[in-house]
């Protein structure tokens, strides 16, 4: 499975009656693919998977899989928990619904040792019909996987990558990128830090903000793939401002609010315990995105592309 490029972790749109708006989900999935996105992720954190019923989760995966099949695009589905046996069942289930790979979070809340986490992933991978991608996100799980543990997991033939969401391009991330084999994909999971990850030859990213501006993130990957780091630097600065604006409130509240403001989403509704973001924050994010779009169209010099630059 090719894990190079941007994978968009789709939001789950809700209608006014709180049901899932599957037609809009399909539209957003096709919009991302039409912008050059390498693949889609269903049932990620951005998709509010923890608040969906089993039937709703099935509908999200089935709808996403249908779009991916019709476009020849790979689908990754979230399928992890802190219960190893339940995770095996969840991975099997999303595989049967059409997922090409499973994004499996490091077991949360239980706070196992790293050896326990490695055993968990090996147990799941041994029983999986599809490849696994480790989701290393310690600020959500309370457990951090360091480079040696990730490299140990990379030796398993069905563990094909990691979404590295550790809050920084830290020592372990640099070691991992320097040491992992070419067939183990390190995917950036922090939107604002995608450019330095790509410069160190990360395979790509699972990028929440690409729900809003997929083309911009695809252009960043393309520049890094060509070795054009000057262009990558020009593109990356404004994306930091955008990521701060869109992820400064609990994800995906701002992403939904901005998509709604742009007419791409019928309602910006999120489910409790998430609540809508402040209106002034939404207005500020829309202004940042509008400025980015205007400057991009104008093809202005590098120094002027920062949102905070004088104009």
C-alpha atoms as a PDB file:
ATOM      1  CA  UNK A   1       0.000   0.000   0.000  1.00  0.00           C
ATOM      2  CA  UNK A   2       1.413   3.381  -1.012  1.00  0.00           C
ATOM      3  CA  UNK A   3       1.261   5.798   1.934  1.00  0.00           C
ATOM      4  CA  UNK A   4       2.963   8.716   0.213  1.00  0.00           C
ATOM      5  CA  UNK A   5       1.192  12.076   0.228  1.00  0.00           C
ATOM      6  CA  UNK A   6      -1.646  13.705   2.116  1.00  0.00           C
ATOM      7  CA  UNK A   7      -4.416  11.641   3.669  1.00  0.00           C
ATOM      8  CA  UNK A   8      -7.446  13.693   4.711  1.00  0.00           C
ATOM      9  CA  UNK A   9      -9.089  12.585   7.987  1.00  0.00           C
ATOM     10  CA  UNK A  10     -12.667  13.377   7.021  1.00  0.00           C
ATOM     11  CA  UNK A  11     -15.045  15.200   9.308  1.00  0.00           C
ATOM     12  CA  UNK A  12     -18.433  13.600   9.922  1.00  0.00           C
ATOM     13  CA  UNK A  13     -21.118  16.092   8.810  1.00  0.00           C
ATOM     14  CA  UNK A  14     -24.333  16.196  10.835  1.00  0.00           C
ATOM     15  CA  UNK A  15     -27.692  17.325   9.514  1.00  0.00           C
ATOM     16  CA  UNK A  16     -30.024  19.631  11.448  1.00  0.00           C
ATOM     17  CA  UNK A  17     -31.709  16.586  13.030  1.00  0.00           C
ATOM     18  CA  UNK A  18     -28.304  15.233  14.230  1.00  0.00           C
ATOM     19  CA  UNK A  19     -28.238  12.384  11.725  1.00  0.00           C
ATOM     20  CA  UNK A  20     -25.156  11.944   9.562  1.00  0.00           C
ATOM     21  CA  UNK A  21     -25.359  13.850   6.286  1.00  0.00           C
ATOM     22  CA  UNK A  22     -23.928  11.121   4.062  1.00  0.00           C
ATOM     23  CA  UNK A  23     -24.428  13.112   0.862  1.00  0.00           C
ATOM     24  CA  UNK A  24     -22.226  15.902   2.204  1.00  0.00           C
ATOM     25  CA  UNK A  25     -19.674  13.363   3.444  1.00  0.00           C
ATOM     26  CA  UNK A  26     -19.452  11.981  -0.084  1.00  0.00           C
ATOM     27  CA  UNK A  27     -19.133  15.493  -1.518  1.00  0.00           C
ATOM     28  CA  UNK A  28     -16.310  16.415   0.857  1.00  0.00           C
ATOM     29  CA  UNK A  29     -14.526  13.140   0.126  1.00  0.00           C
ATOM     30  CA  UNK A  30     -14.689  13.773  -3.620  1.00  0.00           C
ATOM     31  CA  UNK A  31     -13.560  17.385  -3.140  1.00  0.00           C
ATOM     32  CA  UNK A  32     -10.453  16.190  -1.294  1.00  0.00           C
ATOM     33  CA  UNK A  33      -9.650  13.602  -3.948  1.00  0.00           C
ATOM     34  CA  UNK A  34     -10.226  16.061  -6.792  1.00  0.00           C
ATOM     35  CA  UNK A  35      -7.618  18.340  -5.145  1.00  0.00           C
ATOM     36  CA  UNK A  36      -4.996  15.622  -5.538  1.00  0.00           C
ATOM     37  CA  UNK A  37      -5.206  13.996  -2.123  1.00  0.00           C
ATOM     38  CA  UNK A  38      -3.480  10.612  -1.901  1.00  0.00           C
ATOM     39  CA  UNK A  39      -6.123   8.996   0.300  1.00  0.00           C
ATOM     40  CA  UNK A  40      -8.817   9.402   2.925  1.00  0.00           C
ATOM     41  CA  UNK A  41      -9.166   8.498   6.593  1.00  0.00           C
ATOM     42  CA  UNK A  42     -12.566   7.624   8.049  1.00  0.00           C
ATOM     43  CA  UNK A  43     -13.354   7.438  11.771  1.00  0.00           C
ATOM     44  CA  UNK A  44     -10.366   9.448  12.920  1.00  0.00           C
ATOM     45  CA  UNK A  45     -10.400  11.925  15.786  1.00  0.00           C
ATOM     46  CA  UNK A  46     -11.443  14.607  13.279  1.00  0.00           C
ATOM     47  CA  UNK A  47     -14.418  12.421  12.361  1.00  0.00           C
ATOM     48  CA  UNK A  48     -15.724  12.414  15.973  1.00  0.00           C
ATOM     49  CA  UNK A  49     -15.704   8.628  15.882  1.00  0.00           C
ATOM     50  CA  UNK A  50     -16.084   8.323  19.650  1.00  0.00           C
ATOM     51  CA  UNK A  51     -19.566   9.887  19.493  1.00  0.00           C
ATOM     52  CA  UNK A  52     -20.903   7.768  16.616  1.00  0.00           C
ATOM     53  CA  UNK A  53     -23.095   4.721  17.076  1.00  0.00           C
ATOM     54  CA  UNK A  54     -21.938   1.413  15.562  1.00  0.00           C
ATOM     55  CA  UNK A  55     -24.439   1.837  12.715  1.00  0.00           C
ATOM     56  CA  UNK A  56     -23.217   5.374  12.078  1.00  0.00           C
ATOM     57  CA  UNK A  57     -19.587   4.268  12.023  1.00  0.00           C
ATOM     58  CA  UNK A  58     -20.501   1.581   9.488  1.00  0.00           C
ATOM     59  CA  UNK A  59     -22.269   4.137   7.295  1.00  0.00           C
ATOM     60  CA  UNK A  60     -19.273   6.495   7.379  1.00  0.00           C
ATOM     61  CA  UNK A  61     -16.829   3.756   6.380  1.00  0.00           C
ATOM     62  CA  UNK A  62     -19.132   2.337   3.706  1.00  0.00           C
ATOM     63  CA  UNK A  63     -19.738   5.770   2.150  1.00  0.00           C
ATOM     64  CA  UNK A  64     -16.037   6.637   2.216  1.00  0.00           C
ATOM     65  CA  UNK A  65     -15.101   3.238   0.801  1.00  0.00           C
ATOM     66  CA  UNK A  66     -17.559   3.678  -2.059  1.00  0.00           C
ATOM     67  CA  UNK A  67     -15.936   6.990  -3.042  1.00  0.00           C
ATOM     68  CA  UNK A  68     -12.463   5.506  -2.755  1.00  0.00           C
ATOM     69  CA  UNK A  69     -13.332   2.484  -4.877  1.00  0.00           C
ATOM     70  CA  UNK A  70     -14.803   4.679  -7.605  1.00  0.00           C
ATOM     71  CA  UNK A  71     -11.681   6.874  -7.720  1.00  0.00           C
ATOM     72  CA  UNK A  72      -8.986   4.275  -7.102  1.00  0.00           C
ATOM     73  CA  UNK A  73      -8.051   5.975  -3.832  1.00  0.00           C
ATOM     74  CA  UNK A  74      -6.967   4.127  -0.665  1.00  0.00           C
ATOM     75  CA  UNK A  75      -9.095   4.327   2.478  1.00  0.00           C
ATOM     76  CA  UNK A  76      -7.715   4.124   6.005  1.00  0.00           C
ATOM     77  CA  UNK A  77     -10.237   3.575   8.814  1.00  0.00           C
ATOM     78  CA  UNK A  78      -9.787   4.214  12.518  1.00  0.00           C
ATOM     79  CA  UNK A  79     -10.240   0.988  14.428  1.00  0.00           C
ATOM     80  CA  UNK A  80      -8.293   1.125  17.698  1.00  0.00           C
ATOM     81  CA  UNK A  81      -9.188   1.075  21.383  1.00  0.00           C
ATOM     82  CA  UNK A  82      -7.582   0.171  24.713  1.00  0.00           C
ATOM     83  CA  UNK A  83      -9.064  -3.343  24.482  1.00  0.00           C
ATOM     84  CA  UNK A  84      -6.855  -5.615  22.387  1.00  0.00           C
ATOM     85  CA  UNK A  85      -9.552  -8.197  21.649  1.00  0.00           C
ATOM     86  CA  UNK A  86     -12.032  -5.481  20.671  1.00  0.00           C
ATOM     87  CA  UNK A  87      -9.411  -3.887  18.437  1.00  0.00           C
ATOM     88  CA  UNK A  88      -8.922  -7.155  16.554  1.00  0.00           C
ATOM     89  CA  UNK A  89     -12.678  -7.283  15.949  1.00  0.00           C
ATOM     90  CA  UNK A  90     -12.818  -3.615  14.916  1.00  0.00           C
ATOM     91  CA  UNK A  91      -9.997  -4.002  12.392  1.00  0.00           C
ATOM     92  CA  UNK A  92     -11.681  -7.066  10.929  1.00  0.00           C
ATOM     93  CA  UNK A  93     -14.960  -5.150  10.716  1.00  0.00           C
ATOM     94  CA  UNK A  94     -13.592  -2.113   8.844  1.00  0.00           C
ATOM     95  CA  UNK A  95     -11.748  -4.476   6.520  1.00  0.00           C
ATOM     96  CA  UNK A  96     -15.044  -6.137   5.633  1.00  0.00           C
ATOM     97  CA  UNK A  97     -16.571  -2.687   5.008  1.00  0.00           C
ATOM     98  CA  UNK A  98     -13.905  -1.858   2.441  1.00  0.00           C
ATOM     99  CA  UNK A  99     -11.034  -0.198   4.310  1.00  0.00           C
ATOM    100  CA  UNK A 100      -7.596  -0.789   2.827  1.00  0.00           C
ATOM    101  CA  UNK A 101      -5.748  -0.191   6.114  1.00  0.00           C
ATOM    102  CA  UNK A 102      -6.548   0.484   9.758  1.00  0.00           C
ATOM    103  CA  UNK A 103      -5.321   3.404  11.854  1.00  0.00           C
ATOM    104  CA  UNK A 104      -4.882   1.897  15.328  1.00  0.00           C
ATOM    105  CA  UNK A 105      -4.332   4.183  18.279  1.00  0.00           C
ATOM    106  CA  UNK A 106      -1.888   3.375  21.058  1.00  0.00           C
ATOM    107  CA  UNK A 107      -4.031   1.924  23.893  1.00  0.00           C
ATOM    108  CA  UNK A 108      -5.246   4.789  26.055  1.00  0.00           C
ATOM    109  CA  UNK A 109      -6.310   5.183  29.704  1.00  0.00           C
ATOM    110  CA  UNK A 110      -4.889   1.823  30.824  1.00  0.00           C
ATOM    111  CA  UNK A 111      -1.352   3.273  30.567  1.00  0.00           C
ATOM    112  CA  UNK A 112       0.430   0.030  29.587  1.00  0.00           C
ATOM    113  CA  UNK A 113       4.208  -0.222  29.352  1.00  0.00           C
ATOM    114  CA  UNK A 114       5.856   0.188  25.967  1.00  0.00           C
ATOM    115  CA  UNK A 115       6.393  -3.571  25.953  1.00  0.00           C
ATOM    116  CA  UNK A 116       2.654  -3.990  26.495  1.00  0.00           C
ATOM    117  CA  UNK A 117       1.886  -1.612  23.616  1.00  0.00           C
ATOM    118  CA  UNK A 118       4.243  -3.512  21.317  1.00  0.00           C
ATOM    119  CA  UNK A 119       2.572  -6.789  22.323  1.00  0.00           C
ATOM    120  CA  UNK A 120      -0.863  -5.216  21.671  1.00  0.00           C
ATOM    121  CA  UNK A 121       0.045  -4.158  18.137  1.00  0.00           C
ATOM    122  CA  UNK A 122       1.731  -7.454  17.328  1.00  0.00           C
ATOM    123  CA  UNK A 123      -1.337  -9.359  18.545  1.00  0.00           C
ATOM    124  CA  UNK A 124      -3.652  -7.246  16.385  1.00  0.00           C
ATOM    125  CA  UNK A 125      -1.387  -7.349  13.321  1.00  0.00           C
ATOM    126  CA  UNK A 126      -1.031 -11.133  13.534  1.00  0.00           C
ATOM    127  CA  UNK A 127      -4.810 -11.400  13.155  1.00  0.00           C
ATOM    128  CA  UNK A 128      -5.417  -8.640  10.630  1.00  0.00           C
ATOM    129  CA  UNK A 129      -6.196  -9.074   6.955  1.00  0.00           C
ATOM    130  CA  UNK A 130      -5.222  -5.456   6.205  1.00  0.00           C
ATOM    131  CA  UNK A 131      -2.144  -3.354   7.032  1.00  0.00           C
ATOM    132  CA  UNK A 132      -1.994  -1.389  10.282  1.00  0.00           C
ATOM    133  CA  UNK A 133      -0.805   2.170  10.888  1.00  0.00           C
ATOM    134  CA  UNK A 134       0.159   2.986  14.466  1.00  0.00           C
ATOM    135  CA  UNK A 135      -1.363   6.212  15.796  1.00  0.00           C
ATOM    136  CA  UNK A 136       1.198   7.606  18.242  1.00  0.00           C
ATOM    137  CA  UNK A 137      -0.537  10.509  20.006  1.00  0.00           C
ATOM    138  CA  UNK A 138       0.634  10.678  23.625  1.00  0.00           C
ATOM    139  CA  UNK A 139      -1.262  13.833  24.598  1.00  0.00           C
ATOM    140  CA  UNK A 140      -4.486  11.877  24.000  1.00  0.00           C
ATOM    141  CA  UNK A 141      -3.429   8.422  25.192  1.00  0.00           C
ATOM    142  CA  UNK A 142      -1.110   9.131  28.108  1.00  0.00           C
ATOM    143  CA  UNK A 143       1.414   6.676  26.620  1.00  0.00           C
ATOM    144  CA  UNK A 144       4.353   7.623  24.413  1.00  0.00           C
ATOM    145  CA  UNK A 145       6.043   5.251  21.989  1.00  0.00           C
ATOM    146  CA  UNK A 146       9.718   6.035  21.554  1.00  0.00           C
ATOM    147  CA  UNK A 147      11.758   5.303  18.436  1.00  0.00           C
ATOM    148  CA  UNK A 148      13.036   1.830  19.510  1.00  0.00           C
ATOM    149  CA  UNK A 149       9.493   0.565  20.101  1.00  0.00           C
ATOM    150  CA  UNK A 150       8.269   1.971  16.792  1.00  0.00           C
ATOM    151  CA  UNK A 151      11.210   0.432  14.956  1.00  0.00           C
ATOM    152  CA  UNK A 152      10.442  -2.889  16.599  1.00  0.00           C
ATOM    153  CA  UNK A 153       6.856  -2.652  15.352  1.00  0.00           C
ATOM    154  CA  UNK A 154       8.107  -1.698  11.879  1.00  0.00           C
ATOM    155  CA  UNK A 155       9.614  -5.177  11.578  1.00  0.00           C
ATOM    156  CA  UNK A 156       6.120  -6.710  11.488  1.00  0.00           C
ATOM    157  CA  UNK A 157       5.047  -7.254   7.865  1.00  0.00           C
ATOM    158  CA  UNK A 158       1.529  -5.901   8.432  1.00  0.00           C
ATOM    159  CA  UNK A 159       2.518  -2.809  10.438  1.00  0.00           C
ATOM    160  CA  UNK A 160       3.284  -0.432   7.591  1.00  0.00           C
ATOM    161  CA  UNK A 161       3.510   3.010   9.152  1.00  0.00           C
ATOM    162  CA  UNK A 162       2.921   5.431  11.975  1.00  0.00           C
ATOM    163  CA  UNK A 163       0.975   8.647  12.320  1.00  0.00           C
ATOM    164  CA  UNK A 164       3.464  10.555  14.452  1.00  0.00           C
ATOM    165  CA  UNK A 165       1.539  13.128  16.523  1.00  0.00           C
ATOM    166  CA  UNK A 166       3.877  13.878  19.411  1.00  0.00           C
ATOM    167  CA  UNK A 167       3.617  17.669  19.422  1.00  0.00           C
ATOM    168  CA  UNK A 168       7.019  18.433  17.927  1.00  0.00           C
ATOM    169  CA  UNK A 169       9.705  17.175  15.586  1.00  0.00           C
ATOM    170  CA  UNK A 170      11.499  15.703  18.589  1.00  0.00           C
ATOM    171  CA  UNK A 171      14.577  13.498  18.983  1.00  0.00           C
ATOM    172  CA  UNK A 172      12.611  10.267  18.641  1.00  0.00           C
ATOM    173  CA  UNK A 173      10.944  11.494  15.458  1.00  0.00           C
ATOM    174  CA  UNK A 174      14.293  12.435  13.935  1.00  0.00           C
ATOM    175  CA  UNK A 175      15.758   9.064  14.924  1.00  0.00           C
ATOM    176  CA  UNK A 176      12.736   7.266  13.475  1.00  0.00           C
ATOM    177  CA  UNK A 177      12.921   9.121  10.171  1.00  0.00           C
ATOM    178  CA  UNK A 178      16.653   8.482   9.944  1.00  0.00           C
ATOM    179  CA  UNK A 179      16.431   4.789  10.746  1.00  0.00           C
ATOM    180  CA  UNK A 180      13.133   3.353   9.509  1.00  0.00           C
ATOM    181  CA  UNK A 181      13.204   1.359   6.303  1.00  0.00           C
ATOM    182  CA  UNK A 182      11.648   2.751   3.141  1.00  0.00           C
ATOM    183  CA  UNK A 183       8.679   0.393   3.434  1.00  0.00           C
ATOM    184  CA  UNK A 184       7.650   1.830   6.824  1.00  0.00           C
ATOM    185  CA  UNK A 185       5.836   5.125   6.289  1.00  0.00           C
ATOM    186  CA  UNK A 186       6.249   7.891   8.850  1.00  0.00           C
ATOM    187  CA  UNK A 187       3.272  10.230   8.439  1.00  0.00           C
ATOM    188  CA  UNK A 188       3.196  13.674  10.017  1.00  0.00           C
ATOM    189  CA  UNK A 189       0.254  14.090  12.356  1.00  0.00           C
ATOM    190  CA  UNK A 190       0.876  17.686  13.468  1.00  0.00           C
ATOM    191  CA  UNK A 191      -0.385  19.983  10.723  1.00  0.00           C
ATOM    192  CA  UNK A 192       1.811  22.953  11.616  1.00  0.00           C
ATOM    193  CA  UNK A 193       4.968  20.824  11.590  1.00  0.00           C
ATOM    194  CA  UNK A 194       4.361  18.980   8.351  1.00  0.00           C
ATOM    195  CA  UNK A 195       7.045  20.838   6.347  1.00  0.00           C
ATOM    196  CA  UNK A 196      10.020  19.869   8.545  1.00  0.00           C
ATOM    197  CA  UNK A 197       8.740  16.298   8.647  1.00  0.00           C
ATOM    198  CA  UNK A 198       8.614  16.219   4.850  1.00  0.00           C
ATOM    199  CA  UNK A 199      12.065  17.801   4.622  1.00  0.00           C
ATOM    200  CA  UNK A 200      13.327  14.831   6.652  1.00  0.00           C
ATOM    201  CA  UNK A 201      11.610  12.561   4.109  1.00  0.00           C
ATOM    202  CA  UNK A 202       8.446  11.644   5.960  1.00  0.00           C
ATOM    203  CA  UNK A 203       6.142   9.842   3.533  1.00  0.00           C
ATOM    204  CA  UNK A 204       3.344  12.384   3.934  1.00  0.00           C
ATOM    205  CA  UNK A 205       0.787  13.386   6.508  1.00  0.00           C
ATOM    206  CA  UNK A 206      -2.648  12.741   7.936  1.00  0.00           C
ATOM    207  CA  UNK A 207      -3.664  16.366   7.989  1.00  0.00           C
ATOM    208  CA  UNK A 208      -6.920  17.604   9.539  1.00  0.00           C
ATOM    209  CA  UNK A 209      -6.686  21.102   8.037  1.00  0.00           C
ATOM    210  CA  UNK A 210      -6.704  19.552   4.577  1.00  0.00           C
ATOM    211  CA  UNK A 211     -10.453  19.171   5.051  1.00  0.00           C
ATOM    212  CA  UNK A 212     -10.532  22.914   4.360  1.00  0.00           C
ATOM    213  CA  UNK A 213      -7.609  23.522   1.977  1.00  0.00           C
ATOM    214  CA  UNK A 214      -6.542  20.159   0.560  1.00  0.00           C
ATOM    215  CA  UNK A 215      -4.759  21.610  -2.448  1.00  0.00           C
ATOM    216  CA  UNK A 216      -2.391  23.705  -0.315  1.00  0.00           C
ATOM    217  CA  UNK A 217      -1.151  20.663   1.589  1.00  0.00           C
ATOM    218  CA  UNK A 218      -0.819  18.632  -1.597  1.00  0.00           C
ATOM    219  CA  UNK A 219       1.288  21.420  -3.117  1.00  0.00           C
ATOM    220  CA  UNK A 220       3.544  21.363  -0.058  1.00  0.00           C
ATOM    221  CA  UNK A 221       4.097  17.616  -0.435  1.00  0.00           C
ATOM    222  CA  UNK A 222       4.756  18.018  -4.150  1.00  0.00           C
ATOM    223  CA  UNK A 223       7.403  20.697  -3.503  1.00  0.00           C
ATOM    224  CA  UNK A 224       9.203  18.546  -0.943  1.00  0.00           C
ATOM    225  CA  UNK A 225       9.022  15.497  -3.192  1.00  0.00           C
ATOM    226  CA  UNK A 226      10.728  17.506  -5.948  1.00  0.00           C
ATOM    227  CA  UNK A 227      13.387  18.668  -3.489  1.00  0.00           C
ATOM    228  CA  UNK A 228      12.230  22.251  -3.956  1.00  0.00           C
ATOM    229  CA  UNK A 229      12.670  23.336  -0.340  1.00  0.00           C
ATOM    230  CA  UNK A 230      12.557  27.030  -1.219  1.00  0.00           C
ATOM    231  CA  UNK A 231       9.006  26.632  -2.492  1.00  0.00           C
ATOM    232  CA  UNK A 232       8.176  24.407   0.476  1.00  0.00           C
ATOM    233  CA  UNK A 233       9.367  27.148   2.833  1.00  0.00           C
ATOM    234  CA  UNK A 234       7.230  29.708   0.998  1.00  0.00           C
ATOM    235  CA  UNK A 235       4.164  27.486   1.272  1.00  0.00           C
ATOM    236  CA  UNK A 236       4.689  26.274   4.832  1.00  0.00           C
ATOM    237  CA  UNK A 237       4.720  29.540   6.786  1.00  0.00           C
ATOM    238  CA  UNK A 238       1.099  30.483   6.062  1.00  0.00           C
ATOM    239  CA  UNK A 239       0.013  26.909   6.771  1.00  0.00           C
ATOM    240  CA  UNK A 240       1.310  27.292  10.331  1.00  0.00           C
ATOM    241  CA  UNK A 241      -0.973  30.306  10.822  1.00  0.00           C
ATOM    242  CA  UNK A 242      -3.883  28.379   9.338  1.00  0.00           C
ATOM    243  CA  UNK A 243      -3.229  25.319  11.512  1.00  0.00           C
ATOM    244  CA  UNK A 244      -3.077  27.480  14.631  1.00  0.00           C
ATOM    245  CA  UNK A 245      -6.395  29.078  13.688  1.00  0.00           C
ATOM    246  CA  UNK A 246      -8.179  25.843  12.812  1.00  0.00           C
ATOM    247  CA  UNK A 247      -6.780  23.716  15.633  1.00  0.00           C
ATOM    248  CA  UNK A 248      -6.734  26.333  18.380  1.00  0.00           C
ATOM    249  CA  UNK A 249     -10.136  25.040  19.511  1.00  0.00           C
ATOM    250  CA  UNK A 250     -10.972  21.365  20.096  1.00  0.00           C
ATOM    251  CA  UNK A 251     -10.836  19.513  16.783  1.00  0.00           C
ATOM    252  CA  UNK A 252     -12.953  19.480  14.599  1.00  0.00           C
ATOM    253  CA  UNK A 253     -15.062  22.374  15.885  1.00  0.00           C
ATOM    254  CA  UNK A 254     -13.230  25.102  13.959  1.00  0.00           C
ATOM    255  CA  UNK A 255     -12.869  23.020  10.807  1.00  0.00           C
ATOM    256  CA  UNK A 256     -16.616  22.430  10.734  1.00  0.00           C
ATOM    257  CA  UNK A 257     -17.381  26.074  11.479  1.00  0.00           C
ATOM    258  CA  UNK A 258     -15.150  27.282   8.638  1.00  0.00           C
ATOM    259  CA  UNK A 259     -16.513  24.740   6.162  1.00  0.00           C
ATOM    260  CA  UNK A 260     -20.015  25.904   7.094  1.00  0.00           C
ATOM    261  CA  UNK A 261     -19.016  29.548   6.651  1.00  0.00           C
ATOM    262  CA  UNK A 262     -17.721  28.685   3.194  1.00  0.00           C
ATOM    263  CA  UNK A 263     -20.967  26.974   2.210  1.00  0.00           C
ATOM    264  CA  UNK A 264     -19.489  23.476   2.131  1.00  0.00           C
ATOM    265  CA  UNK A 265     -21.361  22.173   5.163  1.00  0.00           C
ATOM    266  CA  UNK A 266     -25.074  22.439   5.925  1.00  0.00           C
ATOM    267  CA  UNK A 267     -24.526  22.826   9.664  1.00  0.00           C
ATOM    268  CA  UNK A 268     -21.362  23.223  11.747  1.00  0.00           C
ATOM    269  CA  UNK A 269     -22.818  20.931  14.417  1.00  0.00           C
ATOM    270  CA  UNK A 270     -20.598  18.845  16.664  1.00  0.00           C
ATOM    271  CA  UNK A 271     -21.689  16.386  19.317  1.00  0.00           C
ATOM    272  CA  UNK A 272     -21.210  16.764  23.036  1.00  0.00           C
ATOM    273  CA  UNK A 273     -18.907  16.936  24.854  1.00  0.00           C
ATOM    274  CA  UNK A 274     -17.629  19.171  22.031  1.00  0.00           C
ATOM    275  CA  UNK A 275     -19.282  22.573  21.744  1.00  0.00           C
ATOM    276  CA  UNK A 276     -19.204  25.213  18.970  1.00  0.00           C
ATOM    277  CA  UNK A 277     -16.182  27.540  18.925  1.00  0.00           C
ATOM    278  CA  UNK A 278     -16.481  31.275  19.715  1.00  0.00           C
ATOM    279  CA  UNK A 279     -17.824  33.309  16.806  1.00  0.00           C
ATOM    280  CA  UNK A 280     -14.907  35.745  16.920  1.00  0.00           C
ATOM    281  CA  UNK A 281     -12.448  32.847  16.569  1.00  0.00           C
ATOM    282  CA  UNK A 282     -14.374  31.572  13.548  1.00  0.00           C
ATOM    283  CA  UNK A 283     -14.351  35.016  11.946  1.00  0.00           C
ATOM    284  CA  UNK A 284     -10.611  35.330  12.539  1.00  0.00           C
ATOM    285  CA  UNK A 285      -9.972  31.913  10.978  1.00  0.00           C
ATOM    286  CA  UNK A 286     -12.071  32.769   7.930  1.00  0.00           C
ATOM    287  CA  UNK A 287     -10.128  36.016   7.515  1.00  0.00           C
ATOM    288  CA  UNK A 288      -6.802  34.151   7.679  1.00  0.00           C
ATOM    289  CA  UNK A 289      -7.987  31.667   5.062  1.00  0.00           C
ATOM    290  CA  UNK A 290      -9.314  34.440   2.810  1.00  0.00           C
ATOM    291  CA  UNK A 291      -6.005  36.279   3.036  1.00  0.00           C
ATOM    292  CA  UNK A 292      -4.097  33.098   2.256  1.00  0.00           C
ATOM    293  CA  UNK A 293      -6.288  32.472  -0.797  1.00  0.00           C
ATOM    294  CA  UNK A 294      -5.813  36.038  -2.041  1.00  0.00           C
ATOM    295  CA  UNK A 295      -2.045  35.969  -1.603  1.00  0.00           C
ATOM    296  CA  UNK A 296      -1.792  32.567  -3.239  1.00  0.00           C
ATOM    297  CA  UNK A 297      -3.754  33.769  -6.264  1.00  0.00           C
ATOM    298  CA  UNK A 298      -1.506  36.821  -6.485  1.00  0.00           C
ATOM    299  CA  UNK A 299       1.654  34.641  -6.284  1.00  0.00           C
ATOM    300  CA  UNK A 300       3.295  37.145  -3.943  1.00  0.00           C
ATOM    301  CA  UNK A 301       6.910  36.904  -2.684  1.00  0.00           C
ATOM    302  CA  UNK A 302       7.946  34.596   0.163  1.00  0.00           C
ATOM    303  CA  UNK A 303       8.184  37.287   2.848  1.00  0.00           C
ATOM    304  CA  UNK A 304       4.648  38.570   2.245  1.00  0.00           C
ATOM    305  CA  UNK A 305       2.896  35.237   2.613  1.00  0.00           C
ATOM    306  CA  UNK A 306       2.931  35.297   6.405  1.00  0.00           C
ATOM    307  CA  UNK A 307      -0.513  36.172   7.697  1.00  0.00           C
ATOM    308  CA  UNK A 308       1.057  38.484  10.242  1.00  0.00           C
ATOM    309  CA  UNK A 309       3.122  40.395   7.682  1.00  0.00           C
ATOM    310  CA  UNK A 310       2.391  44.099   7.079  1.00  0.00           C
ATOM    311  CA  UNK A 311       0.172  44.798   4.105  1.00  0.00           C
END
